[in-house]
Amino acid sequence: MSFRASFGARALGPAGRETFPRPGPAFVFRLRDVTRVVAVANQKGGVAKTTTVHALGFALAELGRRVLLIDLDPQACLTYSAGIDPDTLDRSLHDVFVRKMKAADARRTLPGVDGVDILPSTIDLAGSEVHLLTRTGREHVLARALVPVLDDYDVVLIDCPPSLGVLTINGLTAAQEVLIPLQCEALSHRGWVSFSRRSTTSVCSPTPTSRFVGDRHHVRRADPTCAAVLDDVKERYGLPVFDPPVRKSIRFAEAPLAGLCILQHAPHAPGAEAYRAIAGSSTPIRVRTPEANVRGRTGAGAGRS
């Protein structure tokens, strides 16, 4: 018996030659955006951490990103700036930390732009800090709480308090990157140097496998007198700095009073345009993930005839 006959009859094409079946479903690797978690932190207060989180969140949403803002400061400035009265909230990030509810149940949607949610804060978050001190693995509480909701967002921005306590450590541990707002003046520069040294020791030791990028990004508020501070940051520490600079403006002070972001309050102000440019210069992290797809052939590659 011949080899062909042992396998039975074969389908023949119009020209009398044998054809082959189309391939079935196959796994094809496709690129998928990974949720980017960024902590905005500086030990010095009043350097525009809250303003940066709020403005970048809205600027990224204008670009079609899904954004979660996290208010990790018991002063609840981000919550208030977003038009939410912290004193009237019945659920907040505090309830997530003390295990009363999940992050998905505590978040709220912000009006004015599609795709921005917030995990709000209240003064109760100060009590959470005491509660966390008694828990094992306390520096990972926020990171674990965010796991169920990460796939809902492209970017998570964390507004850290102006200290290096357990709340800030939670923010840094949960983050993949750290963005450090810096006013180009002596005290702000001194606070940044102190924060950078302490955060590296405090965060990297308990999480040796984490991807902590201590000083990957910098946002600066510049004026003609800031050259010395800015040059020192670039030359001594070799840090990249976002361009363009975000310049001081009275519009930044007016926006929180209206419960609005600077992009809503003064959309064409230089500060708003600067944050849009910074958001546009940031690229997503991408990984290769297997995805089942039916891959067919067309035209001359559909089969042999």
C-alpha atoms as a PDB file:
ATOM      1  CA  MET A   1       0.000   0.000   0.000  1.00  0.00           C
ATOM      2  CA  SER A   2       1.334   3.426  -0.913  1.00  0.00           C
ATOM      3  CA  PHE A   3       1.918   6.191   1.647  1.00  0.00           C
ATOM      4  CA  ARG A   4      -0.886   8.293   0.140  1.00  0.00           C
ATOM      5  CA  ALA A   5      -3.358   5.418   0.139  1.00  0.00           C
ATOM      6  CA  SER A   6      -2.664   4.622   3.796  1.00  0.00           C
ATOM      7  CA  PHE A   7      -4.115   8.017   4.795  1.00  0.00           C
ATOM      8  CA  GLY A   8      -7.246   7.783   2.639  1.00  0.00           C
ATOM      9  CA  ALA A   9      -8.531  10.158   0.007  1.00  0.00           C
ATOM     10  CA  ARG A  10      -7.327  13.786  -0.061  1.00  0.00           C
ATOM     11  CA  ALA A  11      -9.233  16.893  -1.187  1.00  0.00           C
ATOM     12  CA  LEU A  12      -8.149  18.170  -4.560  1.00  0.00           C
ATOM     13  CA  GLY A  13      -8.242  21.717  -5.821  1.00  0.00           C
ATOM     14  CA  PRO A  14      -9.502  22.969  -9.199  1.00  0.00           C
ATOM     15  CA  ALA A  15      -6.155  22.182 -10.807  1.00  0.00           C
ATOM     16  CA  GLY A  16      -6.199  18.643  -9.456  1.00  0.00           C
ATOM     17  CA  ARG A  17      -3.578  19.334  -6.824  1.00  0.00           C
ATOM     18  CA  GLU A  18      -3.947  18.621  -3.121  1.00  0.00           C
ATOM     19  CA  THR A  19      -5.147  21.382  -0.771  1.00  0.00           C
ATOM     20  CA  PHE A  20      -4.485  21.815   2.934  1.00  0.00           C
ATOM     21  CA  PRO A  21      -6.910  22.876   5.691  1.00  0.00           C
ATOM     22  CA  ARG A  22      -6.825  26.361   7.180  1.00  0.00           C
ATOM     23  CA  PRO A  23      -5.146  26.631  10.606  1.00  0.00           C
ATOM     24  CA  GLY A  24      -7.388  26.941  13.655  1.00  0.00           C
ATOM     25  CA  PRO A  25      -7.187  29.408  16.577  1.00  0.00           C
ATOM     26  CA  ALA A  26      -3.653  30.233  17.675  1.00  0.00           C
ATOM     27  CA  PHE A  27      -2.035  32.252  20.444  1.00  0.00           C
ATOM     28  CA  VAL A  28      -0.638  35.521  19.162  1.00  0.00           C
ATOM     29  CA  PHE A  29       1.416  37.819  21.354  1.00  0.00           C
ATOM     30  CA  ARG A  30       0.011  41.333  21.407  1.00  0.00           C
ATOM     31  CA  LEU A  31       1.151  44.446  23.270  1.00  0.00           C
ATOM     32  CA  ARG A  32      -1.031  45.491  26.182  1.00  0.00           C
ATOM     33  CA  ASP A  33      -0.719  48.616  28.303  1.00  0.00           C
ATOM     34  CA  VAL A  34       0.222  47.931  31.906  1.00  0.00           C
ATOM     35  CA  THR A  35      -1.309  50.160  34.560  1.00  0.00           C
ATOM     36  CA  ARG A  36       1.227  52.802  35.460  1.00  0.00           C
ATOM     37  CA  VAL A  37       1.331  53.664  39.186  1.00  0.00           C
ATOM     38  CA  VAL A  38       3.088  56.942  39.974  1.00  0.00           C
ATOM     39  CA  ALA A  39       3.640  58.394  43.437  1.00  0.00           C
ATOM     40  CA  VAL A  40       3.917  62.178  43.583  1.00  0.00           C
ATOM     41  CA  ALA A  41       5.980  62.879  46.676  1.00  0.00           C
ATOM     42  CA  ASN A  42       8.300  65.327  48.371  1.00  0.00           C
ATOM     43  CA  GLN A  43       9.116  65.727  52.054  1.00  0.00           C
ATOM     44  CA  LYS A  44       8.727  69.490  51.667  1.00  0.00           C
ATOM     45  CA  GLY A  45       5.175  70.830  51.776  1.00  0.00           C
ATOM     46  CA  GLY A  46       3.776  73.458  49.423  1.00  0.00           C
ATOM     47  CA  VAL A  47       5.672  72.289  46.325  1.00  0.00           C
ATOM     48  CA  ALA A  48       2.585  71.551  44.181  1.00  0.00           C
ATOM     49  CA  LYS A  49       2.178  67.811  44.817  1.00  0.00           C
ATOM     50  CA  THR A  50      -1.618  68.056  44.950  1.00  0.00           C
ATOM     51  CA  THR A  51      -1.749  70.479  42.027  1.00  0.00           C
ATOM     52  CA  THR A  52       0.434  68.150  39.962  1.00  0.00           C
ATOM     53  CA  VAL A  53      -1.690  65.066  40.688  1.00  0.00           C
ATOM     54  CA  HIS A  54      -4.923  66.915  39.916  1.00  0.00           C
ATOM     55  CA  ALA A  55      -3.677  68.599  36.737  1.00  0.00           C
ATOM     56  CA  LEU A  56      -1.840  65.584  35.321  1.00  0.00           C
ATOM     57  CA  GLY A  57      -4.844  63.371  36.012  1.00  0.00           C
ATOM     58  CA  PHE A  58      -7.141  65.589  33.976  1.00  0.00           C
ATOM     59  CA  ALA A  59      -4.534  66.126  31.254  1.00  0.00           C
ATOM     60  CA  LEU A  60      -4.089  62.362  30.849  1.00  0.00           C
ATOM     61  CA  ALA A  61      -7.880  61.903  30.758  1.00  0.00           C
ATOM     62  CA  GLU A  62      -8.077  64.431  27.920  1.00  0.00           C
ATOM     63  CA  LEU A  63      -5.703  62.130  26.037  1.00  0.00           C
ATOM     64  CA  GLY A  64      -8.098  59.218  26.511  1.00  0.00           C
ATOM     65  CA  ARG A  65      -6.422  57.628  29.539  1.00  0.00           C
ATOM     66  CA  ARG A  66      -8.409  56.140  32.394  1.00  0.00           C
ATOM     67  CA  VAL A  67      -7.041  57.681  35.593  1.00  0.00           C
ATOM     68  CA  LEU A  68      -7.387  56.981  39.310  1.00  0.00           C
ATOM     69  CA  LEU A  69      -6.335  59.728  41.721  1.00  0.00           C
ATOM     70  CA  ILE A  70      -5.490  58.651  45.273  1.00  0.00           C
ATOM     71  CA  ASP A  71      -5.524  61.188  48.109  1.00  0.00           C
ATOM     72  CA  LEU A  72      -3.066  59.743  50.633  1.00  0.00           C
ATOM     73  CA  ASP A  73      -2.886  62.906  52.737  1.00  0.00           C
ATOM     74  CA  PRO A  74      -5.102  63.236  55.871  1.00  0.00           C
ATOM     75  CA  GLN A  75      -5.417  66.956  55.076  1.00  0.00           C
ATOM     76  CA  ALA A  76      -7.558  65.855  52.089  1.00  0.00           C
ATOM     77  CA  CYS A  77      -6.422  68.745  49.895  1.00  0.00           C
ATOM     78  CA  LEU A  78      -6.804  66.744  46.694  1.00  0.00           C
ATOM     79  CA  THR A  79     -10.298  65.686  47.714  1.00  0.00           C
ATOM     80  CA  TYR A  80     -11.278  69.285  48.458  1.00  0.00           C
ATOM     81  CA  SER A  81      -9.663  70.579  45.258  1.00  0.00           C
ATOM     82  CA  ALA A  82     -11.750  68.092  43.284  1.00  0.00           C
ATOM     83  CA  GLY A  83     -14.944  69.674  44.618  1.00  0.00           C
ATOM     84  CA  ILE A  84     -15.680  67.084  47.332  1.00  0.00           C
ATOM     85  CA  ASP A  85     -16.230  68.170  50.936  1.00  0.00           C
ATOM     86  CA  PRO A  86     -14.231  65.687  53.056  1.00  0.00           C
ATOM     87  CA  ASP A  87     -16.467  66.351  56.085  1.00  0.00           C
ATOM     88  CA  THR A  88     -19.508  64.946  54.284  1.00  0.00           C
ATOM     89  CA  LEU A  89     -17.982  61.674  53.075  1.00  0.00           C
ATOM     90  CA  ASP A  90     -19.331  58.396  54.402  1.00  0.00           C
ATOM     91  CA  ARG A  91     -16.549  56.337  52.810  1.00  0.00           C
ATOM     92  CA  SER A  92     -12.919  57.103  52.057  1.00  0.00           C
ATOM     93  CA  LEU A  93      -9.439  55.620  51.816  1.00  0.00           C
ATOM     94  CA  HIS A  94      -9.463  55.276  55.605  1.00  0.00           C
ATOM     95  CA  ASP A  95     -12.162  52.598  55.317  1.00  0.00           C
ATOM     96  CA  VAL A  96      -9.963  50.700  52.873  1.00  0.00           C
ATOM     97  CA  PHE A  97      -6.984  50.774  55.214  1.00  0.00           C
ATOM     98  CA  VAL A  98      -8.987  49.505  58.195  1.00  0.00           C
ATOM     99  CA  ARG A  99     -10.593  46.778  56.032  1.00  0.00           C
ATOM    100  CA  LYS A 100     -14.143  48.101  56.178  1.00  0.00           C
ATOM    101  CA  MET A 101     -14.547  48.127  52.400  1.00  0.00           C
ATOM    102  CA  LYS A 102     -12.722  47.536  49.144  1.00  0.00           C
ATOM    103  CA  ALA A 103     -11.102  50.237  47.054  1.00  0.00           C
ATOM    104  CA  ALA A 104     -13.695  49.711  44.316  1.00  0.00           C
ATOM    105  CA  ASP A 105     -16.458  50.655  46.768  1.00  0.00           C
ATOM    106  CA  ALA A 106     -14.684  53.734  48.161  1.00  0.00           C
ATOM    107  CA  ARG A 107     -13.797  55.413  44.869  1.00  0.00           C
ATOM    108  CA  ARG A 108     -15.830  58.206  43.284  1.00  0.00           C
ATOM    109  CA  THR A 109     -16.133  59.523  39.737  1.00  0.00           C
ATOM    110  CA  LEU A 110     -15.149  63.137  39.180  1.00  0.00           C
ATOM    111  CA  PRO A 111     -17.318  65.337  36.957  1.00  0.00           C
ATOM    112  CA  GLY A 112     -16.017  67.515  34.157  1.00  0.00           C
ATOM    113  CA  VAL A 113     -14.005  64.937  32.225  1.00  0.00           C
ATOM    114  CA  ASP A 114     -14.550  61.310  31.336  1.00  0.00           C
ATOM    115  CA  GLY A 115     -12.300  58.686  32.840  1.00  0.00           C
ATOM    116  CA  VAL A 116     -11.171  60.201  36.164  1.00  0.00           C
ATOM    117  CA  ASP A 117     -11.960  58.550  39.517  1.00  0.00           C
ATOM    118  CA  ILE A 118     -10.697  59.423  42.978  1.00  0.00           C
ATOM    119  CA  LEU A 119     -10.081  57.531  46.195  1.00  0.00           C
ATOM    120  CA  PRO A 120     -10.877  60.411  48.556  1.00  0.00           C
ATOM    121  CA  SER A 121      -9.375  61.174  51.938  1.00  0.00           C
ATOM    122  CA  THR A 122     -10.680  62.498  55.248  1.00  0.00           C
ATOM    123  CA  ILE A 123      -9.080  63.470  58.550  1.00  0.00           C
ATOM    124  CA  ASP A 124      -9.782  59.877  59.652  1.00  0.00           C
ATOM    125  CA  LEU A 125      -6.787  58.855  57.564  1.00  0.00           C
ATOM    126  CA  ALA A 126      -4.587  60.167  60.383  1.00  0.00           C
ATOM    127  CA  GLY A 127      -6.029  57.382  62.536  1.00  0.00           C
ATOM    128  CA  SER A 128      -5.263  54.878  59.806  1.00  0.00           C
ATOM    129  CA  GLU A 129      -1.585  55.640  60.243  1.00  0.00           C
ATOM    130  CA  VAL A 130      -1.749  54.511  63.857  1.00  0.00           C
ATOM    131  CA  HIS A 131      -3.713  51.417  62.844  1.00  0.00           C
ATOM    132  CA  LEU A 132      -1.155  50.501  60.176  1.00  0.00           C
ATOM    133  CA  LEU A 133       1.713  50.582  62.650  1.00  0.00           C
ATOM    134  CA  THR A 134       0.293  47.475  64.342  1.00  0.00           C
ATOM    135  CA  ARG A 135      -0.055  45.441  61.136  1.00  0.00           C
ATOM    136  CA  THR A 136       2.461  43.058  59.655  1.00  0.00           C
ATOM    137  CA  GLY A 137       3.512  44.112  56.162  1.00  0.00           C
ATOM    138  CA  ARG A 138       2.024  47.561  56.776  1.00  0.00           C
ATOM    139  CA  GLU A 139       3.991  49.115  53.908  1.00  0.00           C
ATOM    140  CA  HIS A 140       2.146  46.907  51.386  1.00  0.00           C
ATOM    141  CA  VAL A 141      -1.448  47.643  52.440  1.00  0.00           C
ATOM    142  CA  LEU A 142      -2.180  50.172  49.685  1.00  0.00           C
ATOM    143  CA  ALA A 143      -0.519  48.060  46.992  1.00  0.00           C
ATOM    144  CA  ARG A 144      -2.653  45.051  47.924  1.00  0.00           C
ATOM    145  CA  ALA A 145      -5.830  47.114  48.069  1.00  0.00           C
ATOM    146  CA  LEU A 146      -5.241  48.428  44.536  1.00  0.00           C
ATOM    147  CA  VAL A 147      -4.737  45.030  42.886  1.00  0.00           C
ATOM    148  CA  PRO A 148      -8.465  44.378  42.174  1.00  0.00           C
ATOM    149  CA  VAL A 149      -8.947  47.776  40.466  1.00  0.00           C
ATOM    150  CA  LEU A 150      -5.692  48.221  38.543  1.00  0.00           C
ATOM    151  CA  ASP A 151      -7.107  46.756  35.329  1.00  0.00           C
ATOM    152  CA  ASP A 152      -9.754  49.497  35.322  1.00  0.00           C
ATOM    153  CA  TYR A 153      -7.147  52.218  34.759  1.00  0.00           C
ATOM    154  CA  ASP A 154      -4.213  53.192  32.579  1.00  0.00           C
ATOM    155  CA  VAL A 155      -2.596  55.460  35.178  1.00  0.00           C
ATOM    156  CA  VAL A 156      -2.825  55.712  38.971  1.00  0.00           C
ATOM    157  CA  LEU A 157      -1.525  58.937  40.551  1.00  0.00           C
ATOM    158  CA  ILE A 158      -0.872  58.954  44.315  1.00  0.00           C
ATOM    159  CA  ASP A 159      -0.786  62.260  46.205  1.00  0.00           C
ATOM    160  CA  CYS A 160       1.541  61.560  49.155  1.00  0.00           C
ATOM    161  CA  PRO A 161       1.606  63.622  52.366  1.00  0.00           C
ATOM    162  CA  PRO A 162       4.598  65.921  53.063  1.00  0.00           C
ATOM    163  CA  SER A 163       6.399  63.464  55.337  1.00  0.00           C
ATOM    164  CA  LEU A 164       8.039  60.065  55.240  1.00  0.00           C
ATOM    165  CA  GLY A 165       5.623  58.275  57.564  1.00  0.00           C
ATOM    166  CA  VAL A 166       3.860  54.976  56.989  1.00  0.00           C
ATOM    167  CA  LEU A 167       1.313  56.538  54.596  1.00  0.00           C
ATOM    168  CA  THR A 168       4.008  57.870  52.274  1.00  0.00           C
ATOM    169  CA  ILE A 169       5.878  54.568  52.513  1.00  0.00           C
ATOM    170  CA  ASN A 170       2.671  52.849  51.367  1.00  0.00           C
ATOM    171  CA  GLY A 171       2.458  55.185  48.393  1.00  0.00           C
ATOM    172  CA  LEU A 172       6.076  54.651  47.392  1.00  0.00           C
ATOM    173  CA  THR A 173       5.824  50.884  47.784  1.00  0.00           C
ATOM    174  CA  ALA A 174       2.694  50.722  45.624  1.00  0.00           C
ATOM    175  CA  ALA A 175       4.270  52.873  42.900  1.00  0.00           C
ATOM    176  CA  GLN A 176       6.454  51.902  39.970  1.00  0.00           C
ATOM    177  CA  GLU A 177       7.742  55.441  39.576  1.00  0.00           C
ATOM    178  CA  VAL A 178       8.120  58.558  41.686  1.00  0.00           C
ATOM    179  CA  LEU A 179       7.479  62.067  40.404  1.00  0.00           C
ATOM    180  CA  ILE A 180       9.022  64.770  42.596  1.00  0.00           C
ATOM    181  CA  PRO A 181       7.639  68.307  42.245  1.00  0.00           C
ATOM    182  CA  LEU A 182      10.314  70.851  43.026  1.00  0.00           C
ATOM    183  CA  GLN A 183      10.121  74.595  43.465  1.00  0.00           C
ATOM    184  CA  CYS A 184      13.415  76.092  42.423  1.00  0.00           C
ATOM    185  CA  GLU A 185      14.333  77.590  45.759  1.00  0.00           C
ATOM    186  CA  ALA A 186      16.710  76.622  48.571  1.00  0.00           C
ATOM    187  CA  LEU A 187      14.246  75.106  51.081  1.00  0.00           C
ATOM    188  CA  SER A 188      12.439  73.036  48.469  1.00  0.00           C
ATOM    189  CA  HIS A 189      15.775  71.782  47.143  1.00  0.00           C
ATOM    190  CA  ARG A 190      16.913  70.848  50.656  1.00  0.00           C
ATOM    191  CA  GLY A 191      13.653  68.988  51.308  1.00  0.00           C
ATOM    192  CA  TRP A 192      14.025  67.036  48.081  1.00  0.00           C
ATOM    193  CA  VAL A 193      17.595  65.936  48.885  1.00  0.00           C
ATOM    194  CA  SER A 194      16.512  64.748  52.346  1.00  0.00           C
ATOM    195  CA  PHE A 195      13.463  62.950  50.943  1.00  0.00           C
ATOM    196  CA  SER A 196      15.461  61.206  48.227  1.00  0.00           C
ATOM    197  CA  ARG A 197      17.985  59.786  50.687  1.00  0.00           C
ATOM    198  CA  ARG A 198      15.451  58.642  53.275  1.00  0.00           C
ATOM    199  CA  SER A 199      12.935  57.208  50.819  1.00  0.00           C
ATOM    200  CA  THR A 200      15.583  55.031  49.158  1.00  0.00           C
ATOM    201  CA  THR A 201      16.521  53.537  52.541  1.00  0.00           C
ATOM    202  CA  SER A 202      12.961  53.164  53.825  1.00  0.00           C
ATOM    203  CA  VAL A 203      11.331  51.764  50.690  1.00  0.00           C
ATOM    204  CA  CYS A 204      13.941  49.616  49.002  1.00  0.00           C
ATOM    205  CA  SER A 205      14.916  47.668  52.104  1.00  0.00           C
ATOM    206  CA  PRO A 206      11.527  46.023  52.809  1.00  0.00           C
ATOM    207  CA  THR A 207      10.765  45.579  49.094  1.00  0.00           C
ATOM    208  CA  PRO A 208      13.952  44.387  47.390  1.00  0.00           C
ATOM    209  CA  THR A 209      12.069  43.152  44.316  1.00  0.00           C
ATOM    210  CA  SER A 210       9.988  46.274  43.757  1.00  0.00           C
ATOM    211  CA  ARG A 211      10.599  48.521  40.744  1.00  0.00           C
ATOM    212  CA  PHE A 212      11.206  51.717  42.692  1.00  0.00           C
ATOM    213  CA  VAL A 213      12.467  54.460  40.396  1.00  0.00           C
ATOM    214  CA  GLY A 214      13.453  57.044  42.959  1.00  0.00           C
ATOM    215  CA  ASP A 215      14.014  60.108  40.822  1.00  0.00           C
ATOM    216  CA  ARG A 216      12.891  59.289  37.344  1.00  0.00           C
ATOM    217  CA  HIS A 217      10.741  62.347  36.883  1.00  0.00           C
ATOM    218  CA  HIS A 218      10.898  65.920  38.004  1.00  0.00           C
ATOM    219  CA  VAL A 219       8.383  68.726  37.608  1.00  0.00           C
ATOM    220  CA  ARG A 220       9.772  72.175  38.138  1.00  0.00           C
ATOM    221  CA  ARG A 221       8.324  75.615  38.764  1.00  0.00           C
ATOM    222  CA  ALA A 222      10.785  77.970  37.211  1.00  0.00           C
ATOM    223  CA  ASP A 223      11.610  81.696  37.205  1.00  0.00           C
ATOM    224  CA  PRO A 224      14.795  83.567  36.265  1.00  0.00           C
ATOM    225  CA  THR A 225      16.281  83.078  39.758  1.00  0.00           C
ATOM    226  CA  CYS A 226      16.001  79.280  39.743  1.00  0.00           C
ATOM    227  CA  ALA A 227      18.981  78.548  37.496  1.00  0.00           C
ATOM    228  CA  ALA A 228      21.320  77.613  40.354  1.00  0.00           C
ATOM    229  CA  VAL A 229      18.947  75.072  41.904  1.00  0.00           C
ATOM    230  CA  LEU A 230      17.961  73.589  38.560  1.00  0.00           C
ATOM    231  CA  ASP A 231      21.568  73.249  37.392  1.00  0.00           C
ATOM    232  CA  ASP A 232      22.504  71.557  40.664  1.00  0.00           C
ATOM    233  CA  VAL A 233      19.703  69.002  40.252  1.00  0.00           C
ATOM    234  CA  LYS A 234      20.773  68.203  36.693  1.00  0.00           C
ATOM    235  CA  GLU A 235      24.545  68.187  37.184  1.00  0.00           C
ATOM    236  CA  ARG A 236      25.024  66.748  40.673  1.00  0.00           C
ATOM    237  CA  TYR A 237      22.269  64.111  40.550  1.00  0.00           C
ATOM    238  CA  GLY A 238      21.881  63.572  36.813  1.00  0.00           C
ATOM    239  CA  LEU A 239      18.097  63.723  36.950  1.00  0.00           C
ATOM    240  CA  PRO A 240      15.826  64.227  33.940  1.00  0.00           C
ATOM    241  CA  VAL A 241      13.544  67.243  34.207  1.00  0.00           C
ATOM    242  CA  PHE A 242      10.171  67.609  32.556  1.00  0.00           C
ATOM    243  CA  ASP A 243       9.789  70.409  30.035  1.00  0.00           C
ATOM    244  CA  PRO A 244       8.214  72.883  29.798  1.00  0.00           C
ATOM    245  CA  PRO A 245       8.465  74.312  33.331  1.00  0.00           C
ATOM    246  CA  VAL A 246       5.218  74.905  35.201  1.00  0.00           C
ATOM    247  CA  ARG A 247       5.334  78.588  36.055  1.00  0.00           C
ATOM    248  CA  LYS A 248       3.701  80.197  39.060  1.00  0.00           C
ATOM    249  CA  SER A 249       0.309  81.749  38.469  1.00  0.00           C
ATOM    250  CA  ILE A 250      -2.597  83.067  40.520  1.00  0.00           C
ATOM    251  CA  ARG A 251      -4.809  80.680  38.525  1.00  0.00           C
ATOM    252  CA  PHE A 252      -3.464  77.760  40.561  1.00  0.00           C
ATOM    253  CA  ALA A 253      -4.718  79.382  43.769  1.00  0.00           C
ATOM    254  CA  GLU A 254      -8.130  80.199  42.292  1.00  0.00           C
ATOM    255  CA  ALA A 255      -8.927  76.725  40.955  1.00  0.00           C
ATOM    256  CA  PRO A 256      -9.354  74.845  44.302  1.00  0.00           C
ATOM    257  CA  LEU A 257     -11.747  77.517  45.576  1.00  0.00           C
ATOM    258  CA  ALA A 258     -14.047  76.600  42.691  1.00  0.00           C
ATOM    259  CA  GLY A 259     -13.503  72.870  43.197  1.00  0.00           C
ATOM    260  CA  LEU A 260     -11.897  72.656  39.773  1.00  0.00           C
ATOM    261  CA  CYS A 261      -8.649  71.604  38.164  1.00  0.00           C
ATOM    262  CA  ILE A 262      -6.485  74.278  36.547  1.00  0.00           C
ATOM    263  CA  LEU A 263      -7.340  72.691  33.178  1.00  0.00           C
ATOM    264  CA  GLN A 264     -11.018  73.364  33.878  1.00  0.00           C
ATOM    265  CA  HIS A 265     -10.665  76.742  35.572  1.00  0.00           C
ATOM    266  CA  ALA A 266      -8.199  78.300  33.130  1.00  0.00           C
ATOM    267  CA  PRO A 267      -7.773  75.850  30.249  1.00  0.00           C
ATOM    268  CA  HIS A 268      -5.617  78.186  28.170  1.00  0.00           C
ATOM    269  CA  ALA A 269      -3.382  79.437  30.986  1.00  0.00           C
ATOM    270  CA  PRO A 270       0.367  78.735  30.591  1.00  0.00           C
ATOM    271  CA  GLY A 271       0.264  76.409  33.617  1.00  0.00           C
ATOM    272  CA  ALA A 272      -2.530  74.314  32.138  1.00  0.00           C
ATOM    273  CA  GLU A 273      -0.747  74.063  28.812  1.00  0.00           C
ATOM    274  CA  ALA A 274       2.462  73.051  30.571  1.00  0.00           C
ATOM    275  CA  TYR A 275       0.740  70.147  32.339  1.00  0.00           C
ATOM    276  CA  ARG A 276      -0.820  69.058  29.040  1.00  0.00           C
ATOM    277  CA  ALA A 277       2.642  69.015  27.466  1.00  0.00           C
ATOM    278  CA  ILE A 278       4.030  66.967  30.368  1.00  0.00           C
ATOM    279  CA  ALA A 279       1.168  64.483  30.098  1.00  0.00           C
ATOM    280  CA  GLY A 280       1.712  64.185  26.365  1.00  0.00           C
ATOM    281  CA  SER A 281       5.430  63.500  26.787  1.00  0.00           C
ATOM    282  CA  SER A 282       4.813  60.509  29.029  1.00  0.00           C
ATOM    283  CA  THR A 283       4.639  57.138  27.257  1.00  0.00           C
ATOM    284  CA  PRO A 284       2.880  54.019  28.605  1.00  0.00           C
ATOM    285  CA  ILE A 285       4.712  50.927  29.761  1.00  0.00           C
ATOM    286  CA  ARG A 286       3.956  47.988  27.496  1.00  0.00           C
ATOM    287  CA  VAL A 287       4.438  44.242  27.874  1.00  0.00           C
ATOM    288  CA  ARG A 288       3.898  41.228  25.662  1.00  0.00           C
ATOM    289  CA  THR A 289       0.953  39.092  26.720  1.00  0.00           C
ATOM    290  CA  PRO A 290      -0.534  36.028  25.002  1.00  0.00           C
ATOM    291  CA  GLU A 291      -3.953  36.522  23.511  1.00  0.00           C
ATOM    292  CA  ALA A 292      -6.005  33.931  21.640  1.00  0.00           C
ATOM    293  CA  ASN A 293      -6.908  35.043  18.144  1.00  0.00           C
ATOM    294  CA  VAL A 294      -8.069  33.280  15.015  1.00  0.00           C
ATOM    295  CA  ARG A 295      -5.410  33.824  12.414  1.00  0.00           C
ATOM    296  CA  GLY A 296      -6.634  33.099   8.882  1.00  0.00           C
ATOM    297  CA  ARG A 297      -5.002  33.336   5.524  1.00  0.00           C
ATOM    298  CA  THR A 298      -6.307  35.247   2.573  1.00  0.00           C
ATOM    299  CA  GLY A 299      -5.510  35.567  -1.099  1.00  0.00           C
ATOM    300  CA  ALA A 300      -2.703  33.419  -2.466  1.00  0.00           C
ATOM    301  CA  GLY A 301      -1.687  32.408   1.093  1.00  0.00           C
ATOM    302  CA  ALA A 302      -5.041  30.816   1.880  1.00  0.00           C
ATOM    303  CA  GLY A 303      -3.873  27.384   0.791  1.00  0.00           C
ATOM    304  CA  ARG A 304      -2.057  25.462  -1.827  1.00  0.00           C
ATOM    305  CA  SER A 305      -3.882  24.512  -4.984  1.00  0.00           C
END
